[in-house]
N, C-alpha and C. Protein backbone atom coordinates (compact mmCIF):
# COMPACT_ATOMS: atom_id res chain seq x y z
N MET A 1 33.78 24.77 -45.18
CA MET A 1 35.02 24.47 -44.98
C MET A 1 35.65 25.42 -43.67
N LEU A 2 36.63 24.62 -43.30
CA LEU A 2 37.09 25.39 -41.86
C LEU A 2 37.67 27.07 -42.18
N GLU A 3 37.56 27.57 -40.97
CA GLU A 3 38.03 29.13 -40.95
C GLU A 3 39.46 29.20 -40.85
N LEU A 4 40.18 28.58 -40.01
CA LEU A 4 41.42 28.76 -39.65
C LEU A 4 41.22 30.30 -38.93
N ARG A 5 40.99 29.90 -37.92
CA ARG A 5 41.20 31.21 -36.88
C ARG A 5 42.45 31.56 -36.42
N PRO A 6 43.11 32.56 -36.42
CA PRO A 6 44.43 33.03 -36.57
C PRO A 6 44.83 32.90 -35.18
N ASN A 7 44.38 33.06 -34.00
CA ASN A 7 44.87 32.95 -32.94
C ASN A 7 43.71 31.90 -31.61
N CYS A 8 44.71 31.79 -30.48
CA CYS A 8 44.48 30.78 -29.57
C CYS A 8 43.19 31.51 -28.60
N GLU A 9 42.24 31.19 -28.58
CA GLU A 9 40.85 31.85 -27.44
C GLU A 9 41.46 32.15 -25.99
N CYS A 10 42.29 31.47 -25.66
CA CYS A 10 42.55 31.33 -24.50
C CYS A 10 43.91 32.41 -24.22
N CYS A 11 45.22 32.49 -24.84
CA CYS A 11 46.20 33.30 -24.54
C CYS A 11 46.69 33.98 -25.63
N ASP A 12 45.60 34.05 -26.45
CA ASP A 12 45.79 34.75 -27.86
C ASP A 12 47.18 34.78 -28.48
N ARG A 13 47.69 33.68 -28.60
CA ARG A 13 48.94 33.10 -29.42
C ARG A 13 48.71 33.31 -30.80
N ASP A 14 49.37 33.26 -31.47
CA ASP A 14 49.23 33.78 -33.12
C ASP A 14 49.55 31.97 -33.70
N LEU A 15 48.40 31.53 -34.25
CA LEU A 15 48.34 30.35 -35.06
C LEU A 15 47.83 30.27 -36.38
N PRO A 16 49.19 31.01 -37.11
CA PRO A 16 49.03 31.01 -38.74
C PRO A 16 48.60 29.32 -39.31
N PRO A 17 47.79 29.68 -40.45
CA PRO A 17 47.36 28.32 -41.09
C PRO A 17 48.23 27.08 -41.05
N GLU A 18 49.33 27.33 -41.61
CA GLU A 18 50.45 26.36 -41.20
C GLU A 18 50.86 25.52 -40.17
N SER A 19 50.01 25.96 -38.97
CA SER A 19 50.89 25.78 -37.40
C SER A 19 49.90 24.43 -37.26
N ALA A 20 51.36 23.58 -36.93
CA ALA A 20 50.76 22.36 -36.61
C ALA A 20 50.12 22.12 -34.72
N GLU A 21 50.73 23.45 -34.15
CA GLU A 21 50.14 23.72 -33.01
C GLU A 21 48.61 24.16 -32.50
N ALA A 22 47.76 24.14 -33.63
CA ALA A 22 46.68 24.52 -33.20
C ALA A 22 45.59 23.61 -32.91
N ARG A 23 44.76 23.42 -32.16
CA ARG A 23 43.82 22.52 -31.73
C ARG A 23 42.48 22.98 -32.35
N ILE A 24 41.26 22.40 -32.25
CA ILE A 24 40.35 22.72 -32.28
C ILE A 24 39.15 21.65 -32.00
N CYS A 25 37.73 22.59 -32.09
CA CYS A 25 36.55 21.21 -31.22
C CYS A 25 35.97 21.53 -32.18
N SER A 26 34.63 20.81 -32.65
CA SER A 26 33.93 20.56 -33.75
C SER A 26 32.98 21.59 -34.27
N PHE A 27 33.09 22.82 -33.40
CA PHE A 27 32.53 24.30 -33.71
C PHE A 27 33.76 24.89 -34.08
N GLU A 28 34.93 24.41 -34.15
CA GLU A 28 36.20 25.01 -34.80
C GLU A 28 36.29 26.37 -33.60
N CYS A 29 36.30 26.01 -32.18
CA CYS A 29 36.72 26.91 -31.33
C CYS A 29 38.20 26.60 -31.52
N THR A 30 39.03 27.37 -31.34
CA THR A 30 40.61 27.35 -31.55
C THR A 30 41.50 27.79 -30.66
N PHE A 31 42.24 26.90 -30.07
CA PHE A 31 43.48 27.06 -29.17
C PHE A 31 44.82 26.57 -29.29
N CYS A 32 45.92 27.13 -28.78
CA CYS A 32 47.23 26.40 -29.10
C CYS A 32 47.00 25.29 -28.33
N ALA A 33 48.52 24.12 -28.62
CA ALA A 33 48.15 22.93 -27.87
C ALA A 33 48.72 23.22 -26.56
N GLU A 34 49.25 24.15 -26.51
CA GLU A 34 49.58 24.60 -24.75
C GLU A 34 48.33 24.62 -23.87
N CYS A 35 47.65 25.54 -24.35
CA CYS A 35 46.60 25.78 -23.40
C CYS A 35 45.58 24.42 -23.62
N ALA A 36 45.44 23.80 -24.80
CA ALA A 36 44.63 22.69 -25.26
C ALA A 36 44.77 21.22 -24.13
N GLU A 37 46.09 21.17 -24.36
CA GLU A 37 46.65 19.66 -23.57
C GLU A 37 46.85 20.09 -21.83
N GLY A 38 47.00 21.84 -21.87
CA GLY A 38 47.32 22.00 -20.31
C GLY A 38 46.21 22.33 -19.81
N VAL A 39 45.71 23.32 -19.58
CA VAL A 39 45.09 24.05 -18.53
C VAL A 39 43.19 23.41 -18.86
N LEU A 40 43.59 23.04 -20.25
CA LEU A 40 42.00 22.66 -20.81
C LEU A 40 41.73 21.22 -20.88
N LYS A 41 43.06 20.19 -20.82
CA LYS A 41 42.91 18.91 -20.40
C LYS A 41 42.22 18.20 -21.62
N GLY A 42 42.12 18.69 -22.72
CA GLY A 42 41.72 18.59 -23.97
C GLY A 42 40.32 18.41 -24.22
N ALA A 43 39.73 19.22 -23.51
CA ALA A 43 38.40 19.77 -23.65
C ALA A 43 38.05 21.24 -24.25
N CYS A 44 37.30 21.29 -24.84
CA CYS A 44 36.76 22.54 -25.07
C CYS A 44 35.83 23.56 -24.41
N PRO A 45 36.42 24.48 -23.97
CA PRO A 45 35.65 25.15 -22.49
C PRO A 45 33.99 25.97 -22.95
N ASN A 46 34.24 25.99 -24.10
CA ASN A 46 32.70 26.27 -25.03
C ASN A 46 31.86 25.28 -24.66
N CYS A 47 32.31 24.23 -25.54
CA CYS A 47 31.29 23.38 -25.59
C CYS A 47 31.43 21.86 -25.10
N GLY A 48 32.66 22.04 -24.33
CA GLY A 48 32.72 20.56 -23.78
C GLY A 48 33.35 19.31 -25.21
N GLY A 49 33.35 19.70 -26.13
CA GLY A 49 33.81 18.57 -27.04
C GLY A 49 35.38 18.62 -27.09
N GLU A 50 35.89 17.92 -27.84
CA GLU A 50 37.13 17.16 -28.09
C GLU A 50 38.03 18.12 -28.63
N LEU A 51 39.51 18.43 -28.07
CA LEU A 51 40.06 19.23 -29.09
C LEU A 51 40.73 18.57 -29.72
N VAL A 52 41.19 18.78 -31.09
CA VAL A 52 42.01 18.00 -31.82
C VAL A 52 42.97 18.60 -32.55
N ARG A 53 43.73 17.94 -33.46
CA ARG A 53 44.72 19.02 -34.07
C ARG A 53 44.13 19.73 -35.40
N ARG A 54 44.08 20.59 -35.78
CA ARG A 54 43.89 21.26 -36.98
C ARG A 54 44.64 21.10 -37.88
N PRO A 55 43.83 20.46 -39.19
CA PRO A 55 44.38 20.49 -40.42
C PRO A 55 45.14 21.69 -41.27
N VAL A 56 46.25 21.25 -41.46
CA VAL A 56 46.85 22.20 -42.39
C VAL A 56 46.46 22.31 -43.72
N ARG A 57 45.99 23.36 -44.29
CA ARG A 57 45.60 23.62 -45.47
C ARG A 57 46.65 24.09 -46.29
N PRO A 58 46.73 23.13 -47.84
CA PRO A 58 47.74 23.36 -48.35
C PRO A 58 47.96 24.79 -48.99
N ALA A 59 49.37 25.38 -48.59
CA ALA A 59 49.38 26.71 -49.52
C ALA A 59 49.13 27.28 -50.62
N ALA A 60 48.61 25.97 -51.68
CA ALA A 60 48.23 26.44 -52.98
C ALA A 60 46.73 26.94 -52.93
N ALA A 61 45.73 26.02 -51.99
CA ALA A 61 44.58 26.22 -51.59
C ALA A 61 44.00 27.29 -50.85
N LEU A 62 45.13 27.95 -49.57
CA LEU A 62 45.26 29.32 -49.30
C LEU A 62 44.92 30.20 -50.27
N VAL A 63 45.15 30.22 -51.29
CA VAL A 63 45.40 31.46 -52.28
C VAL A 63 43.51 31.59 -52.75
N LYS A 64 42.99 30.49 -52.93
CA LYS A 64 41.89 30.80 -52.79
C LYS A 64 40.90 30.33 -52.05
N HIS A 65 41.08 29.80 -50.77
CA HIS A 65 40.09 29.80 -49.42
C HIS A 65 41.07 30.16 -48.71
N PRO A 66 41.11 31.42 -48.42
CA PRO A 66 42.73 32.13 -47.18
C PRO A 66 41.65 31.82 -45.95
N ALA A 67 42.89 31.94 -45.12
CA ALA A 67 42.51 31.92 -43.56
C ALA A 67 41.67 32.98 -42.99
N SER A 68 41.25 32.56 -42.08
CA SER A 68 40.18 33.98 -41.21
C SER A 68 41.48 34.92 -40.72
N THR A 69 41.02 36.20 -40.69
CA THR A 69 41.90 36.95 -39.77
C THR A 69 41.00 37.80 -38.70
N LYS A 70 39.78 36.92 -38.64
CA LYS A 70 39.10 37.73 -37.61
C LYS A 70 39.72 36.82 -35.98
N ARG A 71 40.20 37.83 -35.05
CA ARG A 71 40.70 36.99 -33.68
C ARG A 71 39.71 36.93 -32.59
N VAL A 72 39.34 36.08 -32.04
CA VAL A 72 38.27 35.23 -31.20
C VAL A 72 39.18 35.32 -29.76
N LEU A 73 38.07 35.81 -28.92
CA LEU A 73 39.28 35.86 -27.37
C LEU A 73 38.27 35.28 -26.33
N ARG A 74 38.12 34.39 -25.46
CA ARG A 74 36.80 34.16 -24.42
C ARG A 74 36.81 35.29 -23.91
N ALA A 75 35.64 35.79 -23.22
CA ALA A 75 35.26 36.83 -22.27
C ALA A 75 35.63 36.32 -20.89
N SER A 76 35.67 35.13 -20.71
CA SER A 76 36.21 34.81 -19.24
C SER A 76 37.68 33.51 -19.51
N PRO A 77 38.46 33.61 -18.17
CA PRO A 77 39.71 33.31 -18.32
C PRO A 77 39.26 31.70 -18.56
N CYS A 78 40.59 31.23 -19.24
CA CYS A 78 40.43 29.59 -19.66
C CYS A 78 40.69 28.68 -18.38
N ALA A 79 41.70 29.45 -17.27
CA ALA A 79 41.55 28.41 -16.50
C ALA A 79 40.49 28.39 -15.27
C-alpha cells in the first residue's frame, strides 16, 4: 500500500492525498510536479527512477488506510 507522503522532498510543498500534483518513483520518493518536471527532469534524484503521477486514494479508503504524516526532506539540494 502506498504511504502517500505529505510533502515534496525538494521544496517541502504540501501534497495532500488528493493532490494531482504529487509525483513518485517506484520507491515512493515523493515530489511536486513543478520540481519533478523542472529541476529533476522526470528522474528521481535518490534512485534515478522515473517520476510518475501518484494515484489518488478514494476518500472512503483514507478512513481505513490514512496517508502518512511523516515529512521527508532530502539532505542535499535537488538542483
